[in-house]
């Protein structure tokens, strides 16, 4: 049965917000507050918490969706091959510039002279002259020599206090670890069992990492439609970016580790390049890390942070992400509210809409040529006629992704009988999804949907609207029809 009557109409912003759940934001009450404030996707971080915690988080998200009539998505973030230093004595030792230190794969309590690293292949992979960055680059070591077995000698180029369990980055080293660790495989199995919408793959190095993950997902259950977000935080990934974008379903610009692995001044340029390439490929892109970090403790963001969020929206990002701001911050819902205000203001500017995408290349052997041409034509028609909305029926969600990449000023309303894609589409710019499972003729369906949208206030009399559909409707094929009409 069509459930349009359960729709809760929120003010429609186009750019989506991803919130990270944690101790400050996992309760049903706070999740509901964040969704009301504008959260579209909840990110679950498998680096922290137990499966019992995650199960409760998932339940709270889905309960909130039922209560509010929303379709908040779930993004499960795999930890990946994160390298760390082990425990150190007194949870802090001082490394002095110019001194030497031994890094070992044999577990021990660290001192200023010797520390343990959780990376068995480290002595084999690293070479003399390569640098080791610890604690987001706060400490810099340079490799002197390695025995190729279990020890590496390094000099402290830039010292500081080394605490336990700090992360390690190796920007010059080709790491031989698999993209999915044993922990990742267990977490992935758990996430797929819960039918989450998106899986985030950390420390992607090449397209083969995405192919491997997608193969595991398909092998797990052919009915599971979980999609993949490739997190770009390694220089190798930037070099292989075209192949990665081709294979993945979405991209995350993970600026934290990326800013340590590559020179900091390169990050803004890489970010803009990734957004542009994702738009061209009709793949959603998320901008992440330190977007509004001052709001971990403060009740308002810095002006630099406001500009960072605004520029990401202007560049065309599908989503902007909050990490510690919502997971451990003092004001999770207020952060989302502040981010929503920034987005809504920027989206009043006309120059962020109607991307000048090239028309699909004439190729009748391309099975997507007709549907791509329909989406392109609908976007151009909406711009020319100042249509209020583009309305599409879809089963796979492909039309929604393609339409979104054109960034039309017209609202994008997606109707589907495939309930599982409604939450998936909550990551995609400008898309608002509705469940609709009536099986009637194309003309009657268009008229019925028009009635639903008018009754719920999404469109009004005299609005021009554009409908995209597959004819005949019953075959649930690729889009092959576009219709312009006025709302009576």
Protein backbone atom coordinates (compact mmCIF):
# COMPACT_ATOMS: atom_id res chain seq x y z
CA UNK A 1 0.00 0.00 0.00
CA UNK A 2 1.22 3.49 -0.85
CA UNK A 3 2.29 5.23 2.36
CA UNK A 4 2.29 8.87 1.23
CA UNK A 5 0.13 9.82 4.18
CA UNK A 6 3.03 9.19 6.58
CA UNK A 7 5.26 11.80 4.92
CA UNK A 8 6.65 14.43 7.30
CA UNK A 9 7.54 17.55 5.30
CA UNK A 10 10.87 19.02 6.37
CA UNK A 11 12.34 22.14 4.83
CA UNK A 12 14.17 20.80 1.81
CA UNK A 13 17.91 21.44 1.72
CA UNK A 14 19.77 19.86 -1.17
CA UNK A 15 23.16 19.10 0.41
CA UNK A 16 22.94 16.20 2.84
CA UNK A 17 24.44 16.01 6.34
CA UNK A 18 26.22 12.92 7.70
CA UNK A 19 26.45 12.69 11.50
CA UNK A 20 28.77 10.33 13.36
CA UNK A 21 27.24 8.49 16.30
CA UNK A 22 29.10 8.09 19.57
CA UNK A 23 28.66 8.43 23.34
CA UNK A 24 27.10 11.88 22.96
CA UNK A 25 24.65 10.99 20.20
CA UNK A 26 23.55 7.34 20.27
CA UNK A 27 20.39 7.69 22.33
CA UNK A 28 17.00 7.65 20.61
CA UNK A 29 16.30 11.17 21.86
CA UNK A 30 19.47 12.74 20.44
CA UNK A 31 19.22 10.85 17.13
CA UNK A 32 15.67 12.13 16.74
CA UNK A 33 16.80 15.70 17.55
CA UNK A 34 19.60 15.49 14.96
CA UNK A 35 17.24 14.18 12.26
CA UNK A 36 14.79 16.99 12.96
CA UNK A 37 17.70 19.46 12.76
CA UNK A 38 18.68 18.18 9.31
CA UNK A 39 20.72 14.95 9.61
CA UNK A 40 20.25 12.67 6.58
CA UNK A 41 22.79 9.90 7.25
CA UNK A 42 24.01 8.37 10.52
CA UNK A 43 27.59 7.10 10.44
CA UNK A 44 28.49 4.16 12.67
CA UNK A 45 32.21 3.91 13.37
CA UNK A 46 33.43 0.35 13.90
CA UNK A 47 36.68 1.67 15.39
CA UNK A 48 34.77 2.21 18.65
CA UNK A 49 32.02 0.44 20.57
CA UNK A 50 30.67 -3.11 20.74
CA UNK A 51 28.20 -4.89 18.48
CA UNK A 52 25.59 -4.47 21.22
CA UNK A 53 26.15 -0.70 21.04
CA UNK A 54 25.83 -0.74 17.24
CA UNK A 55 22.64 -2.80 17.35
CA UNK A 56 21.09 -0.25 19.68
CA UNK A 57 22.20 2.61 17.43
CA UNK A 58 20.64 0.93 14.38
CA UNK A 59 17.40 0.32 16.29
CA UNK A 60 17.26 3.94 17.41
CA UNK A 61 17.79 5.22 13.86
CA UNK A 62 15.11 2.97 12.39
CA UNK A 63 12.67 3.72 15.21
CA UNK A 64 13.18 7.44 14.60
CA UNK A 65 12.53 6.96 10.88
CA UNK A 66 9.24 5.23 11.64
CA UNK A 67 8.22 7.89 14.12
CA UNK A 68 9.16 10.86 11.93
CA UNK A 69 8.34 9.41 8.50
CA UNK A 70 11.95 9.99 7.39
CA UNK A 71 14.46 7.79 5.55
CA UNK A 72 17.71 8.46 7.40
CA UNK A 73 20.48 6.27 5.95
CA UNK A 74 23.03 4.17 7.85
CA UNK A 75 26.71 4.33 6.86
CA UNK A 76 28.85 1.68 8.55
CA UNK A 77 32.50 2.75 8.51
CA UNK A 78 35.12 -0.04 8.51
CA UNK A 79 38.34 0.77 10.34
CA UNK A 80 40.68 -0.57 7.66
CA UNK A 81 44.40 -1.24 8.15
CA UNK A 82 44.93 1.56 10.67
CA UNK A 83 48.49 1.46 11.99
CA UNK A 84 49.09 2.29 15.64
CA UNK A 85 51.80 2.50 18.25
CA UNK A 86 51.23 0.17 21.21
CA UNK A 87 51.01 1.14 24.88
CA UNK A 88 53.78 3.31 26.31
CA UNK A 89 54.87 3.64 29.92
CA UNK A 90 52.91 6.17 31.99
CA UNK A 91 50.78 6.70 28.83
CA UNK A 92 53.29 9.27 27.63
CA UNK A 93 57.01 9.43 26.86
CA UNK A 94 58.94 12.37 25.43
CA UNK A 95 60.76 11.88 22.13
CA UNK A 96 63.58 14.40 21.73
CA UNK A 97 64.62 15.71 18.31
CA UNK A 98 67.92 14.17 17.20
CA UNK A 99 67.60 11.05 19.34
CA UNK A 100 67.27 7.52 17.93
CA UNK A 101 64.39 5.13 18.54
CA UNK A 102 63.83 1.47 17.76
CA UNK A 103 60.43 0.46 16.36
CA UNK A 104 59.65 -3.21 16.85
CA UNK A 105 56.92 -5.64 15.81
CA UNK A 106 57.47 -7.53 19.07
CA UNK A 107 54.86 -6.39 21.56
CA UNK A 108 56.28 -4.40 24.50
CA UNK A 109 55.59 -1.40 26.68
CA UNK A 110 57.02 1.58 24.84
CA UNK A 111 59.77 3.88 26.08
CA UNK A 112 61.65 6.81 24.56
CA UNK A 113 64.12 4.27 23.13
CA UNK A 114 61.84 1.48 21.92
CA UNK A 115 58.16 1.28 20.84
CA UNK A 116 55.84 -1.38 19.45
CA UNK A 117 53.93 -0.98 16.18
CA UNK A 118 50.83 -3.01 15.26
CA UNK A 119 52.06 -3.73 11.74
CA UNK A 120 53.89 -7.07 11.32
CA UNK A 121 55.17 -6.31 7.80
CA UNK A 122 56.55 -2.89 8.78
CA UNK A 123 60.28 -3.84 8.75
CA UNK A 124 59.84 -5.50 5.32
CA UNK A 125 57.89 -2.66 3.72
CA UNK A 126 59.77 0.40 5.00
CA UNK A 127 63.03 1.69 3.50
CA UNK A 128 65.84 3.95 4.73
CA UNK A 129 65.04 7.63 4.24
CA UNK A 130 61.26 7.18 4.43
CA UNK A 131 59.35 9.17 7.03
CA UNK A 132 57.05 7.99 9.82
CA UNK A 133 54.33 10.31 11.07
CA UNK A 134 52.73 9.68 14.47
CA UNK A 135 49.65 11.27 16.05
CA UNK A 136 48.40 13.05 12.90
CA UNK A 137 51.90 14.23 12.06
CA UNK A 138 52.69 15.81 15.40
CA UNK A 139 55.77 13.56 15.70
CA UNK A 140 58.08 12.98 12.72
CA UNK A 141 60.60 10.14 12.48
CA UNK A 142 63.00 9.31 9.65
CA UNK A 143 64.03 5.71 8.96
CA UNK A 144 67.78 5.02 9.34
CA UNK A 145 67.73 1.29 8.65
CA UNK A 146 65.64 -1.87 8.89
CA UNK A 147 66.63 -5.46 9.56
CA UNK A 148 63.75 -6.62 7.32
CA UNK A 149 62.42 -8.89 10.07
CA UNK A 150 61.23 -7.25 13.26
CA UNK A 151 63.04 -3.97 13.92
CA UNK A 152 63.43 -0.54 12.34
CA UNK A 153 65.87 2.11 13.56
CA UNK A 154 64.76 5.72 13.14
CA UNK A 155 65.83 9.19 14.18
CA UNK A 156 63.45 11.69 15.76
CA UNK A 157 63.24 14.60 13.31
CA UNK A 158 60.48 16.39 15.23
CA UNK A 159 59.74 15.27 18.77
CA UNK A 160 57.01 15.59 21.34
CA UNK A 161 55.03 13.57 23.85
CA UNK A 162 54.15 10.13 22.48
CA UNK A 163 51.01 8.67 24.06
CA UNK A 164 49.68 5.11 23.84
CA UNK A 165 47.78 3.81 20.78
CA UNK A 166 48.51 6.80 18.56
CA UNK A 167 47.99 6.43 14.81
CA UNK A 168 50.88 6.03 12.38
CA UNK A 169 51.01 7.32 8.80
CA UNK A 170 53.59 6.24 6.22
CA UNK A 171 53.23 8.62 3.26
CA UNK A 172 56.29 7.27 1.37
CA UNK A 173 55.81 3.56 2.08
CA UNK A 174 53.94 1.05 -0.06
CA UNK A 175 51.99 -0.88 2.57
CA UNK A 176 51.48 -4.60 1.97
CA UNK A 177 48.59 -5.03 4.40
CA UNK A 178 45.26 -6.20 2.89
CA UNK A 179 42.57 -3.54 2.52
CA UNK A 180 40.26 -5.59 4.79
CA UNK A 181 41.67 -6.79 8.10
CA UNK A 182 40.24 -9.71 10.10
CA UNK A 183 38.37 -7.19 12.24
CA UNK A 184 36.98 -5.50 9.12
CA UNK A 185 35.68 -8.81 7.76
CA UNK A 186 33.85 -9.53 11.03
CA UNK A 187 32.46 -5.98 11.14
CA UNK A 188 31.41 -6.24 7.50
CA UNK A 189 29.55 -9.48 8.11
CA UNK A 190 27.75 -7.89 11.04
CA UNK A 191 26.88 -4.74 9.04
CA UNK A 192 25.56 -6.72 6.08
CA UNK A 193 23.46 -8.89 8.39
CA UNK A 194 21.85 -5.65 9.60
CA UNK A 195 21.32 -4.52 5.97
CA UNK A 196 22.95 -1.12 6.38
CA UNK A 197 22.72 1.20 3.37
CA UNK A 198 26.37 2.12 2.88
CA UNK A 199 29.76 0.62 3.81
CA UNK A 200 32.71 2.99 4.17
CA UNK A 201 36.05 1.44 3.19
CA UNK A 202 39.01 3.12 4.89
CA UNK A 203 42.50 3.62 3.43
CA UNK A 204 41.54 2.66 -0.11
CA UNK A 205 44.65 2.35 -2.26
CA UNK A 206 43.35 1.16 -5.62
CA UNK A 207 40.21 0.16 -7.50
CA UNK A 208 40.96 -3.49 -6.69
CA UNK A 209 40.13 -2.75 -3.02
CA UNK A 210 36.62 -1.70 -4.05
CA UNK A 211 36.20 -4.67 -6.37
CA UNK A 212 37.20 -7.03 -3.55
CA UNK A 213 34.71 -5.48 -1.11
CA UNK A 214 31.87 -5.54 -3.66
CA UNK A 215 32.58 -9.19 -4.40
CA UNK A 216 32.27 -10.03 -0.69
CA UNK A 217 28.99 -8.10 -0.45
CA UNK A 218 27.53 -9.84 -3.50
CA UNK A 219 28.67 -13.23 -2.26
CA UNK A 220 27.15 -12.56 1.18
CA UNK A 221 23.59 -12.23 -0.14
CA UNK A 222 22.37 -11.33 -3.61
CA UNK A 223 19.39 -9.56 -2.03
CA UNK A 224 21.59 -7.20 0.00
CA UNK A 225 21.98 -3.93 -1.90
CA UNK A 226 24.51 -2.25 0.39
CA UNK A 227 26.59 0.29 -1.53
CA UNK A 228 30.24 1.26 -1.05
CA UNK A 229 31.83 4.58 -0.07
CA UNK A 230 35.54 4.74 -0.93
CA UNK A 231 37.38 6.86 1.64
CA UNK A 232 40.19 8.79 -0.03
CA UNK A 233 43.00 9.30 2.47
CA UNK A 234 46.06 7.77 0.77
CA UNK A 235 48.27 9.23 -2.01
CA UNK A 236 47.96 5.93 -3.90
CA UNK A 237 44.19 6.43 -4.08
CA UNK A 238 44.63 9.88 -5.62
CA UNK A 239 46.86 8.39 -8.32
CA UNK A 240 44.25 5.71 -9.13
CA UNK A 241 41.23 7.96 -8.65
CA UNK A 242 39.58 7.51 -12.06
CA UNK A 243 39.50 3.72 -11.68
CA UNK A 244 38.31 4.01 -8.06
CA UNK A 245 35.45 6.35 -9.02
CA UNK A 246 34.42 3.95 -11.78
CA UNK A 247 34.16 1.03 -9.34
CA UNK A 248 32.79 2.68 -6.21
CA UNK A 249 29.24 3.91 -5.51
CA UNK A 250 30.32 7.04 -3.63
CA UNK A 251 33.45 8.81 -2.40
CA UNK A 252 34.49 10.39 0.89
CA UNK A 253 37.21 13.05 1.01
CA UNK A 254 38.66 11.98 4.37
CA UNK A 255 40.75 15.08 4.97
CA UNK A 256 42.17 13.98 8.33
CA UNK A 257 44.51 11.20 7.24
CA UNK A 258 44.74 12.64 3.71
CA UNK A 259 46.15 15.86 5.17
CA UNK A 260 48.85 13.85 6.92
CA UNK A 261 49.66 11.55 4.01
CA UNK A 262 50.01 14.35 1.43
CA UNK A 263 51.35 17.91 1.86
CA UNK A 264 48.64 19.95 3.58
CA UNK A 265 48.54 22.57 0.82
CA UNK A 266 47.50 19.87 -1.67
CA UNK A 267 44.33 18.90 0.22
CA UNK A 268 42.06 21.77 -1.00
CA UNK A 269 43.12 21.15 -4.60
CA UNK A 270 42.53 17.40 -4.27
CA UNK A 271 39.14 18.02 -2.63
CA UNK A 272 37.92 20.18 -5.52
CA UNK A 273 39.26 17.71 -8.08
CA UNK A 274 37.45 14.80 -6.39
CA UNK A 275 34.15 16.68 -6.24
CA UNK A 276 34.41 17.59 -9.94
CA UNK A 277 35.21 14.04 -11.02
CA UNK A 278 32.39 12.57 -8.91
CA UNK A 279 29.87 15.00 -10.41
CA UNK A 280 30.99 14.02 -13.89
CA UNK A 281 30.59 10.33 -12.99
CA UNK A 282 27.23 10.81 -11.17
CA UNK A 283 28.74 9.42 -7.95
CA UNK A 284 27.93 11.07 -4.57
CA UNK A 285 30.84 12.69 -2.74
CA UNK A 286 31.12 13.45 1.00
CA UNK A 287 33.45 16.10 2.47
CA UNK A 288 34.64 14.97 5.91
CA UNK A 289 36.82 15.87 8.90
CA UNK A 290 37.12 18.99 11.06
CA UNK A 291 34.27 20.81 9.33
CA UNK A 292 32.95 22.39 12.54
CA UNK A 293 35.41 21.08 15.09
CA UNK A 294 35.22 24.09 17.40
CA UNK A 295 31.61 23.09 18.12
CA UNK A 296 32.83 20.02 20.00
CA UNK A 297 32.81 22.42 22.94
CA UNK A 298 31.45 25.74 21.64
CA UNK A 299 27.85 26.61 20.79
CA UNK A 300 28.80 28.28 17.50
CA UNK A 301 31.38 27.53 14.78
CA UNK A 302 34.37 29.65 13.84
CA UNK A 303 34.00 31.86 10.77
CA UNK A 304 36.64 29.76 8.99
CA UNK A 305 34.51 26.66 9.60
CA UNK A 306 31.41 28.41 8.25
CA UNK A 307 33.38 29.20 5.09
CA UNK A 308 34.65 25.61 4.84
CA UNK A 309 31.12 24.20 4.89
CA UNK A 310 29.86 26.89 2.51
CA UNK A 311 32.67 26.29 0.03
CA UNK A 312 32.00 22.56 0.03
CA UNK A 313 28.36 23.26 -0.85
CA UNK A 314 29.41 25.72 -3.57
CA UNK A 315 31.83 23.16 -5.03
CA UNK A 316 28.93 20.72 -5.41
CA UNK A 317 29.47 18.16 -2.64
CA UNK A 318 26.55 15.80 -2.07
CA UNK A 319 27.12 15.72 1.67
CA UNK A 320 29.14 17.29 4.46
CA UNK A 321 30.08 15.21 7.47
CA UNK A 322 30.37 15.75 11.21
CA UNK A 323 32.70 13.48 13.20
CA UNK A 324 33.73 14.29 16.78
CA UNK A 325 31.32 17.25 16.69
CA UNK A 326 28.39 14.85 17.08
CA UNK A 327 30.03 11.68 18.41
CA UNK A 328 31.58 13.20 21.54
CA UNK A 329 30.67 16.89 21.30
CA UNK A 330 28.59 18.79 23.83
CA UNK A 331 25.90 19.95 21.40
CA UNK A 332 25.18 17.28 18.72
CA UNK A 333 21.82 18.65 17.56
CA UNK A 334 23.00 22.28 17.66
CA UNK A 335 25.94 21.43 15.38
CA UNK A 336 23.54 19.91 12.85
CA UNK A 337 21.26 22.91 13.16
CA UNK A 338 24.17 25.30 12.53
CA UNK A 339 25.35 23.30 9.52
CA UNK A 340 21.81 23.25 8.12
CA UNK A 341 21.60 27.05 8.37
CA UNK A 342 24.85 27.43 6.42
CA UNK A 343 23.68 25.02 3.73
CA UNK A 344 20.28 26.66 3.37
CA UNK A 345 21.84 30.10 2.98
CA UNK A 346 24.33 29.00 0.32
CA UNK A 347 21.59 27.14 -1.56
CA UNK A 348 19.78 30.43 -2.08
CA UNK A 349 22.53 31.33 -4.56
CA UNK A 350 21.59 30.51 -8.16
CA UNK A 351 25.14 29.81 -9.36
CA UNK A 352 25.34 26.44 -7.57
CA UNK A 353 22.61 24.96 -9.78
CA UNK A 354 22.32 23.68 -13.35
CA UNK A 355 25.74 22.26 -14.06
CA UNK A 356 26.75 22.52 -17.68
CA UNK A 357 27.17 18.78 -18.16
CA UNK A 358 27.90 17.49 -21.64
CA UNK A 359 25.09 15.63 -23.37
CA UNK A 360 25.49 11.83 -23.31
CA UNK A 361 27.61 10.63 -26.21
CA UNK A 362 25.51 9.04 -28.96
CA UNK A 363 26.08 5.33 -28.44
CA UNK A 364 23.17 2.97 -28.98
CA UNK A 365 25.30 0.09 -27.72
CA UNK A 366 25.42 1.73 -24.29
CA UNK A 367 22.46 0.29 -22.39
CA UNK A 368 22.20 3.51 -20.34
CA UNK A 369 22.22 5.90 -23.32
CA UNK A 370 18.44 6.37 -23.46
CA UNK A 371 17.92 6.83 -19.70
CA UNK A 372 20.98 9.14 -19.48
CA UNK A 373 19.58 11.21 -22.34
CA UNK A 374 16.17 11.39 -20.62
CA UNK A 375 17.80 12.69 -17.40
CA UNK A 376 19.91 15.21 -19.32
CA UNK A 377 16.86 16.45 -21.24
CA UNK A 378 14.75 16.67 -18.06
CA UNK A 379 17.41 18.77 -16.31
CA UNK A 380 17.76 21.13 -19.32
CA UNK A 381 13.98 21.36 -19.68
CA UNK A 382 13.60 22.20 -15.98
CA UNK A 383 16.17 24.99 -16.33
CA UNK A 384 14.46 26.38 -19.46
CA UNK A 385 10.92 26.28 -18.05
CA UNK A 386 11.80 27.02 -14.38
CA UNK A 387 9.93 23.86 -13.43
CA UNK A 388 9.24 23.40 -9.72
CA UNK A 389 10.04 19.70 -9.64
CA UNK A 390 11.39 16.72 -11.55
CA UNK A 391 9.51 13.60 -10.51
CA UNK A 392 10.78 10.15 -11.35
CA UNK A 393 9.75 6.56 -10.81
CA UNK A 394 12.67 4.21 -10.18
CA UNK A 395 13.34 0.70 -8.93
CA UNK A 396 17.15 0.67 -8.89
CA UNK A 397 17.72 4.34 -7.99
CA UNK A 398 19.92 4.93 -11.06
CA UNK A 399 17.74 7.77 -12.40
CA UNK A 400 17.96 9.58 -9.06
CA UNK A 401 21.78 9.44 -9.03
CA UNK A 402 21.94 10.65 -12.65
CA UNK A 403 19.43 13.47 -12.20
CA UNK A 404 21.17 14.67 -9.06
CA UNK A 405 24.52 15.05 -10.84
CA UNK A 406 23.00 17.73 -13.11
CA UNK A 407 22.23 19.77 -9.95
CA UNK A 408 18.85 21.11 -11.18
CA UNK A 409 17.21 24.03 -9.39
CA UNK A 410 13.98 22.02 -9.55
CA UNK A 411 13.29 19.71 -6.60
CA UNK A 412 13.94 16.00 -7.29
CA UNK A 413 11.16 13.71 -6.01
CA UNK A 414 11.75 9.98 -6.37
CA UNK A 415 8.91 7.46 -6.08
CA UNK A 416 9.75 3.77 -5.74
CA UNK A 417 8.24 0.44 -4.75
CA UNK A 418 11.74 -0.67 -3.67
CA UNK A 419 11.69 0.38 -0.03
CA UNK A 420 15.37 -0.41 0.57
CA UNK A 421 16.65 2.31 -1.78
CA UNK A 422 14.77 5.10 0.01
CA UNK A 423 17.36 5.24 2.78
CA UNK A 424 20.23 4.74 0.30
CA UNK A 425 19.11 7.85 -1.60
CA UNK A 426 19.33 9.98 1.54
CA UNK A 427 23.03 10.46 0.77
CA UNK A 428 22.36 11.80 -2.74
CA UNK A 429 22.20 15.57 -3.31
CA UNK A 430 18.74 17.07 -3.78
CA UNK A 431 16.83 13.78 -3.75
CA UNK A 432 13.73 13.23 -1.63
CA UNK A 433 12.28 9.73 -1.75
CA UNK A 434 8.74 8.41 -1.35
CA UNK A 435 7.44 4.87 -1.11
CA UNK A 436 4.81 4.12 -3.77
CA UNK A 437 3.70 0.63 -4.75
CA UNK A 438 0.53 1.07 -6.79
CA UNK A 439 0.61 -0.81 -10.09
CA UNK A 440 -1.53 1.23 -12.51
CA UNK A 441 -1.06 2.78 -15.94
CA UNK A 442 1.59 5.43 -16.61
CA UNK A 443 -0.96 8.25 -17.02
CA UNK A 444 -2.87 7.27 -13.89
CA UNK A 445 0.36 6.94 -11.89
CA UNK A 446 1.57 10.40 -12.96
CA UNK A 447 -1.81 11.88 -12.03
CA UNK A 448 -1.83 10.05 -8.68
CA UNK A 449 1.70 11.19 -7.78
CA UNK A 450 0.84 14.75 -8.76
CA UNK A 451 -2.16 14.55 -6.42
CA UNK A 452 0.00 13.22 -3.56
CA UNK A 453 2.65 15.94 -3.92
CA UNK A 454 0.06 18.69 -4.15
CA UNK A 455 -1.89 17.39 -1.15
CA UNK A 456 1.27 17.25 0.98
CA UNK A 457 2.40 20.72 -0.11
CA UNK A 458 5.47 19.81 -2.16
CA UNK A 459 3.96 21.33 -5.32
CA UNK A 460 1.10 23.79 -5.86
CA UNK A 461 -1.37 24.89 -8.54
CA UNK A 462 0.20 26.38 -11.69
CA UNK A 463 3.60 24.85 -11.00
CA UNK A 464 5.28 23.29 -14.01
CA UNK A 465 6.55 19.79 -13.29
CA UNK A 466 8.50 17.20 -15.25
CA UNK A 467 7.80 13.48 -14.98
CA UNK A 468 10.29 10.77 -15.92
CA UNK A 469 9.09 7.19 -16.24
CA UNK A 470 9.63 3.85 -17.89
CA UNK A 471 6.93 2.86 -20.37
CA UNK A 472 5.34 0.40 -19.93
CA UNK A 473 5.45 1.02 -16.18
CA UNK A 474 4.80 -2.59 -15.24
CA UNK A 475 8.11 -3.76 -16.72
CA UNK A 476 10.14 -1.57 -14.32
CA UNK A 477 12.66 -0.95 -17.07
CA UNK A 478 15.02 1.93 -17.75
CA UNK A 479 13.62 5.44 -18.03
CA UNK A 480 12.47 6.20 -21.58
CA UNK A 481 9.82 8.92 -21.21
CA UNK A 482 9.79 12.57 -20.14
CA UNK A 483 6.64 14.70 -19.77
CA UNK A 484 6.18 18.40 -18.99
CA UNK A 485 2.84 19.44 -17.50
CA UNK A 486 1.21 22.05 -15.25
CA UNK A 487 -0.34 21.40 -11.87
CA UNK A 488 -4.03 22.21 -11.88
